[in-house]
Amino acid sequence: MLRYLILGLVGGWVCCAPVFAGERGDEALAAEIHRLSDSLARMQDILTSQQESAEEQLRLQKLNAAIGYLNFRSRRIETLERDLQSTRNVKIRIEDLLEQLAQQEEQLDADSQSSLNAKDGDRRQARLSLERQRSMLKKRMATVDGEIVEMETRLYDLQKQIEGLESFVEKNLKL
């Protein structure tokens, strides 16, 4: 639009140039041409600075969006890391429970050898209960192990996604 305005001004000046030449002479015409060329140069400088400002504004908007995305992803990664640690703690508790069941089973074996008068039905029922508990805990352990692997994979993927953005932000922050 500014270019069309400039072309219109130059075109209008060219049409009126013979009138200026006749009235004021060559010196006035040269001064008028000089002022016009200075005005055009200033307008060109203004247009260039506006374009550079718009480009800088766009770059800053992109940078701001990238930083916002990094903040969001970083919070997501932190949450996932906490969840992962919590799941690992669950796994440790299950391992402890399995160890306690093994100790109870050893105690049951020791008690059955030392006391001959205990009922076989009670011992058998206690063994079955321990076996069911162990089986359930092992299934839960397998589920927890799968969840840990899945969380670690997601965490790795999220970290890889933000690496490119981090380099973009670092590069553009060095203004």
C-alpha atoms as a PDB file:
ATOM      1  CA  MET A   1       0.000   0.000   0.000  1.00  0.00           C
ATOM      2  CA  LEU A   2       2.839   2.362   0.851  1.00  0.00           C
ATOM      3  CA  ARG A   3       4.454   1.534  -2.459  1.00  0.00           C
ATOM      4  CA  TYR A   4       1.303   2.511  -4.355  1.00  0.00           C
ATOM      5  CA  LEU A   5       1.214   5.775  -2.416  1.00  0.00           C
ATOM      6  CA  ILE A   6       4.832   6.436  -3.374  1.00  0.00           C
ATOM      7  CA  LEU A   7       4.132   5.606  -7.021  1.00  0.00           C
ATOM      8  CA  GLY A   8       1.123   7.937  -6.949  1.00  0.00           C
ATOM      9  CA  LEU A   9       3.222  10.756  -5.498  1.00  0.00           C
ATOM     10  CA  VAL A  10       5.977  10.230  -8.048  1.00  0.00           C
ATOM     11  CA  GLY A  11       3.449   9.983 -10.887  1.00  0.00           C
ATOM     12  CA  GLY A  12       1.709  13.172  -9.730  1.00  0.00           C
ATOM     13  CA  TRP A  13       5.020  14.967  -9.462  1.00  0.00           C
ATOM     14  CA  VAL A  14       6.063  13.892 -12.955  1.00  0.00           C
ATOM     15  CA  CYS A  15       2.809  15.307 -14.369  1.00  0.00           C
ATOM     16  CA  CYS A  16       3.399  18.650 -12.645  1.00  0.00           C
ATOM     17  CA  ALA A  17       7.150  18.807 -13.352  1.00  0.00           C
ATOM     18  CA  PRO A  18       6.852  21.036 -16.435  1.00  0.00           C
ATOM     19  CA  VAL A  19       4.823  23.548 -14.429  1.00  0.00           C
ATOM     20  CA  PHE A  20       7.489  23.657 -11.698  1.00  0.00           C
ATOM     21  CA  ALA A  21      10.224  23.975 -14.291  1.00  0.00           C
ATOM     22  CA  GLY A  22       8.607  26.879 -15.942  1.00  0.00           C
ATOM     23  CA  GLU A  23       7.734  28.812 -12.779  1.00  0.00           C
ATOM     24  CA  ARG A  24      10.720  28.389 -10.517  1.00  0.00           C
ATOM     25  CA  GLY A  25      13.474  27.334 -12.724  1.00  0.00           C
ATOM     26  CA  ASP A  26      15.863  24.439 -12.724  1.00  0.00           C
ATOM     27  CA  GLU A  27      17.210  25.031  -9.222  1.00  0.00           C
ATOM     28  CA  ALA A  28      13.787  24.887  -7.637  1.00  0.00           C
ATOM     29  CA  LEU A  29      13.026  21.752  -9.605  1.00  0.00           C
ATOM     30  CA  ALA A  30      16.268  20.142  -8.437  1.00  0.00           C
ATOM     31  CA  ALA A  31      15.509  21.077  -4.802  1.00  0.00           C
ATOM     32  CA  GLU A  32      11.997  19.657  -5.128  1.00  0.00           C
ATOM     33  CA  ILE A  33      13.354  16.413  -6.631  1.00  0.00           C
ATOM     34  CA  HIS A  34      15.916  16.202  -3.813  1.00  0.00           C
ATOM     35  CA  ARG A  35      13.220  16.660  -1.132  1.00  0.00           C
ATOM     36  CA  LEU A  36      11.049  14.079  -2.839  1.00  0.00           C
ATOM     37  CA  SER A  37      13.892  11.560  -2.997  1.00  0.00           C
ATOM     38  CA  ASP A  38      14.677  12.214   0.709  1.00  0.00           C
ATOM     39  CA  SER A  39      11.013  11.642   1.565  1.00  0.00           C
ATOM     40  CA  LEU A  40      11.001   8.429  -0.424  1.00  0.00           C
ATOM     41  CA  ALA A  41      14.173   7.254   1.321  1.00  0.00           C
ATOM     42  CA  ARG A  42      12.633   8.010   4.750  1.00  0.00           C
ATOM     43  CA  MET A  43       9.451   6.178   3.778  1.00  0.00           C
ATOM     44  CA  GLN A  44      11.516   3.213   2.605  1.00  0.00           C
ATOM     45  CA  ASP A  45      13.437   3.205   5.919  1.00  0.00           C
ATOM     46  CA  ILE A  46      10.165   3.322   7.871  1.00  0.00           C
ATOM     47  CA  LEU A  47       8.738   0.480   5.801  1.00  0.00           C
ATOM     48  CA  THR A  48      11.883  -1.589   6.294  1.00  0.00           C
ATOM     49  CA  SER A  49      11.917  -0.987  10.054  1.00  0.00           C
ATOM     50  CA  GLN A  50       8.206  -1.907  10.266  1.00  0.00           C
ATOM     51  CA  GLN A  51       8.860  -5.140   8.394  1.00  0.00           C
ATOM     52  CA  GLU A  52      11.823  -5.947  10.636  1.00  0.00           C
ATOM     53  CA  SER A  53       9.719  -5.128  13.681  1.00  0.00           C
ATOM     54  CA  ALA A  54       6.926  -7.400  12.444  1.00  0.00           C
ATOM     55  CA  GLU A  55       9.418 -10.204  11.780  1.00  0.00           C
ATOM     56  CA  GLU A  56      10.951  -9.718  15.228  1.00  0.00           C
ATOM     57  CA  GLN A  57       7.474  -9.713  16.776  1.00  0.00           C
ATOM     58  CA  LEU A  58       6.635 -12.967  14.992  1.00  0.00           C
ATOM     59  CA  ARG A  59       9.914 -14.538  16.144  1.00  0.00           C
ATOM     60  CA  LEU A  60       9.215 -13.455  19.715  1.00  0.00           C
ATOM     61  CA  GLN A  61       5.701 -14.903  19.519  1.00  0.00           C
ATOM     62  CA  LYS A  62       7.121 -18.205  18.300  1.00  0.00           C
ATOM     63  CA  LEU A  63       9.693 -18.117  21.074  1.00  0.00           C
ATOM     64  CA  ASN A  64       6.995 -17.381  23.654  1.00  0.00           C
ATOM     65  CA  ALA A  65       4.888 -20.278  22.360  1.00  0.00           C
ATOM     66  CA  ALA A  66       7.898 -22.604  22.482  1.00  0.00           C
ATOM     67  CA  ILE A  67       8.689 -21.560  26.058  1.00  0.00           C
ATOM     68  CA  GLY A  68       5.062 -22.122  27.072  1.00  0.00           C
ATOM     69  CA  TYR A  69       5.133 -25.565  25.480  1.00  0.00           C
ATOM     70  CA  LEU A  70       8.400 -26.372  27.250  1.00  0.00           C
ATOM     71  CA  ASN A  71       6.896 -25.316  30.577  1.00  0.00           C
ATOM     72  CA  PHE A  72       3.838 -27.494  29.954  1.00  0.00           C
ATOM     73  CA  ARG A  73       5.929 -30.505  28.933  1.00  0.00           C
ATOM     74  CA  SER A  74       8.326 -30.003  31.841  1.00  0.00           C
ATOM     75  CA  ARG A  75       5.427 -30.066  34.295  1.00  0.00           C
ATOM     76  CA  ARG A  76       4.097 -33.184  32.555  1.00  0.00           C
ATOM     77  CA  ILE A  77       7.504 -34.839  32.841  1.00  0.00           C
ATOM     78  CA  GLU A  78       7.734 -33.930  36.536  1.00  0.00           C
ATOM     79  CA  THR A  79       4.294 -35.427  37.150  1.00  0.00           C
ATOM     80  CA  LEU A  80       5.226 -38.573  35.268  1.00  0.00           C
ATOM     81  CA  GLU A  81       8.477 -38.868  37.239  1.00  0.00           C
ATOM     82  CA  ARG A  82       6.524 -38.623  40.513  1.00  0.00           C
ATOM     83  CA  ASP A  83       4.071 -41.259  39.287  1.00  0.00           C
ATOM     84  CA  LEU A  84       6.957 -43.462  38.260  1.00  0.00           C
ATOM     85  CA  GLN A  85       8.585 -43.137  41.669  1.00  0.00           C
ATOM     86  CA  SER A  86       5.269 -43.932  43.349  1.00  0.00           C
ATOM     87  CA  THR A  87       4.861 -47.042  41.194  1.00  0.00           C
ATOM     88  CA  ARG A  88       8.406 -48.126  42.025  1.00  0.00           C
ATOM     89  CA  ASN A  89       7.566 -47.716  45.714  1.00  0.00           C
ATOM     90  CA  VAL A  90       4.507 -49.952  45.203  1.00  0.00           C
ATOM     91  CA  LYS A  91       6.793 -52.547  43.628  1.00  0.00           C
ATOM     92  CA  ILE A  92       9.131 -52.381  46.633  1.00  0.00           C
ATOM     93  CA  ARG A  93       6.184 -52.852  49.012  1.00  0.00           C
ATOM     94  CA  ILE A  94       4.999 -55.879  47.007  1.00  0.00           C
ATOM     95  CA  GLU A  95       8.498 -57.353  47.159  1.00  0.00           C
ATOM     96  CA  ASP A  96       8.474 -56.832  50.927  1.00  0.00           C
ATOM     97  CA  LEU A  97       5.095 -58.561  51.197  1.00  0.00           C
ATOM     98  CA  LEU A  98       6.352 -61.496  49.134  1.00  0.00           C
ATOM     99  CA  GLU A  99       9.334 -61.772  51.456  1.00  0.00           C
ATOM    100  CA  GLN A 100       7.017 -61.724  54.484  1.00  0.00           C
ATOM    101  CA  LEU A 101       4.903 -64.488  52.909  1.00  0.00           C
ATOM    102  CA  ALA A 102       8.038 -66.571  52.375  1.00  0.00           C
ATOM    103  CA  GLN A 103       8.946 -66.079  56.044  1.00  0.00           C
ATOM    104  CA  GLN A 104       5.431 -67.078  57.104  1.00  0.00           C
ATOM    105  CA  GLU A 105       5.696 -70.193  54.971  1.00  0.00           C
ATOM    106  CA  GLU A 106       9.038 -71.050  56.575  1.00  0.00           C
ATOM    107  CA  GLN A 107       7.483 -70.512  59.990  1.00  0.00           C
ATOM    108  CA  LEU A 108       4.572 -72.749  59.038  1.00  0.00           C
ATOM    109  CA  ASP A 109       7.015 -75.479  57.935  1.00  0.00           C
ATOM    110  CA  ALA A 110       8.986 -75.161  61.172  1.00  0.00           C
ATOM    111  CA  ASP A 111       5.797 -75.285  63.248  1.00  0.00           C
ATOM    112  CA  SER A 112       4.491 -78.326  61.387  1.00  0.00           C
ATOM    113  CA  GLN A 113       7.726 -80.238  62.036  1.00  0.00           C
ATOM    114  CA  SER A 114       7.885 -79.304  65.703  1.00  0.00           C
ATOM    115  CA  SER A 115       4.268 -79.926  66.585  1.00  0.00           C
ATOM    116  CA  LEU A 116       2.879 -83.218  65.510  1.00  0.00           C
ATOM    117  CA  ASN A 117      -0.481 -82.701  67.132  1.00  0.00           C
ATOM    118  CA  ALA A 118      -1.511 -79.718  64.962  1.00  0.00           C
ATOM    119  CA  LYS A 119      -4.287 -80.484  62.569  1.00  0.00           C
ATOM    120  CA  ASP A 120      -3.296 -81.195  58.980  1.00  0.00           C
ATOM    121  CA  GLY A 121      -6.431 -79.380  57.769  1.00  0.00           C
ATOM    122  CA  ASP A 122      -5.381 -76.138  59.470  1.00  0.00           C
ATOM    123  CA  ARG A 123      -1.872 -76.354  58.019  1.00  0.00           C
ATOM    124  CA  ARG A 124      -3.200 -77.140  54.568  1.00  0.00           C
ATOM    125  CA  GLN A 125      -5.615 -74.233  54.732  1.00  0.00           C
ATOM    126  CA  ALA A 126      -2.830 -71.868  55.891  1.00  0.00           C
ATOM    127  CA  ARG A 127      -0.626 -73.055  53.000  1.00  0.00           C
ATOM    128  CA  LEU A 128      -3.429 -72.502  50.489  1.00  0.00           C
ATOM    129  CA  SER A 129      -4.024 -69.014  51.856  1.00  0.00           C
ATOM    130  CA  LEU A 130      -0.317 -68.201  51.559  1.00  0.00           C
ATOM    131  CA  GLU A 131      -0.230 -69.580  48.005  1.00  0.00           C
ATOM    132  CA  ARG A 132      -3.256 -67.477  46.966  1.00  0.00           C
ATOM    133  CA  GLN A 133      -1.712 -64.352  48.468  1.00  0.00           C
ATOM    134  CA  ARG A 134       1.617 -65.071  46.741  1.00  0.00           C
ATOM    135  CA  SER A 135      -0.133 -65.660  43.420  1.00  0.00           C
ATOM    136  CA  MET A 136      -2.105 -62.396  43.678  1.00  0.00           C
ATOM    137  CA  LEU A 137       1.006 -60.462  44.658  1.00  0.00           C
ATOM    138  CA  LYS A 138       2.998 -61.925  41.754  1.00  0.00           C
ATOM    139  CA  LYS A 139       0.231 -60.945  39.312  1.00  0.00           C
ATOM    140  CA  ARG A 140       0.191 -57.454  40.804  1.00  0.00           C
ATOM    141  CA  MET A 141       3.998 -57.334  40.535  1.00  0.00           C
ATOM    142  CA  ALA A 142       3.795 -58.221  36.831  1.00  0.00           C
ATOM    143  CA  THR A 143       1.214 -55.461  36.301  1.00  0.00           C
ATOM    144  CA  VAL A 144       3.348 -52.948  38.183  1.00  0.00           C
ATOM    145  CA  ASP A 145       6.437 -53.944  36.176  1.00  0.00           C
ATOM    146  CA  GLY A 146       4.470 -53.326  32.957  1.00  0.00           C
ATOM    147  CA  GLU A 147       3.323 -49.931  34.233  1.00  0.00           C
ATOM    148  CA  ILE A 148       6.905 -48.990  35.102  1.00  0.00           C
ATOM    149  CA  VAL A 149       8.146 -49.919  31.622  1.00  0.00           C
ATOM    150  CA  GLU A 150       5.292 -47.960  30.028  1.00  0.00           C
ATOM    151  CA  MET A 151       5.976 -44.879  32.180  1.00  0.00           C
ATOM    152  CA  GLU A 152       9.705 -45.015  31.464  1.00  0.00           C
ATOM    153  CA  THR A 153       8.976 -45.215  27.732  1.00  0.00           C
ATOM    154  CA  ARG A 154       6.569 -42.259  27.880  1.00  0.00           C
ATOM    155  CA  LEU A 155       9.067 -40.282  29.931  1.00  0.00           C
ATOM    156  CA  TYR A 156      11.818 -40.975  27.401  1.00  0.00           C
ATOM    157  CA  ASP A 157       9.525 -39.965  24.514  1.00  0.00           C
ATOM    158  CA  LEU A 158       8.522 -36.708  26.230  1.00  0.00           C
ATOM    159  CA  GLN A 159      12.144 -35.828  26.897  1.00  0.00           C
ATOM    160  CA  LYS A 160      13.047 -36.470  23.257  1.00  0.00           C
ATOM    161  CA  GLN A 161      10.161 -34.282  22.076  1.00  0.00           C
ATOM    162  CA  ILE A 162      11.341 -31.239  23.966  1.00  0.00           C
ATOM    163  CA  GLU A 163      15.034 -31.488  23.053  1.00  0.00           C
ATOM    164  CA  GLY A 164      14.507 -29.767  19.692  1.00  0.00           C
ATOM    165  CA  LEU A 165      12.456 -27.014  21.278  1.00  0.00           C
ATOM    166  CA  GLU A 166      15.044 -26.488  23.983  1.00  0.00           C
ATOM    167  CA  SER A 167      17.753 -25.899  21.379  1.00  0.00           C
ATOM    168  CA  PHE A 168      15.443 -23.487  19.478  1.00  0.00           C
ATOM    169  CA  VAL A 169      14.743 -21.530  22.674  1.00  0.00           C
ATOM    170  CA  GLU A 170      18.402 -21.476  23.720  1.00  0.00           C
ATOM    171  CA  LYS A 171      19.476 -20.292  20.258  1.00  0.00           C
ATOM    172  CA  ASN A 172      16.872 -17.535  20.164  1.00  0.00           C
ATOM    173  CA  LEU A 173      17.453 -16.372  23.705  1.00  0.00           C
ATOM    174  CA  LYS A 174      20.988 -15.414  22.717  1.00  0.00           C
ATOM    175  CA  LEU A 175      19.813 -12.116  21.254  1.00  0.00           C
END
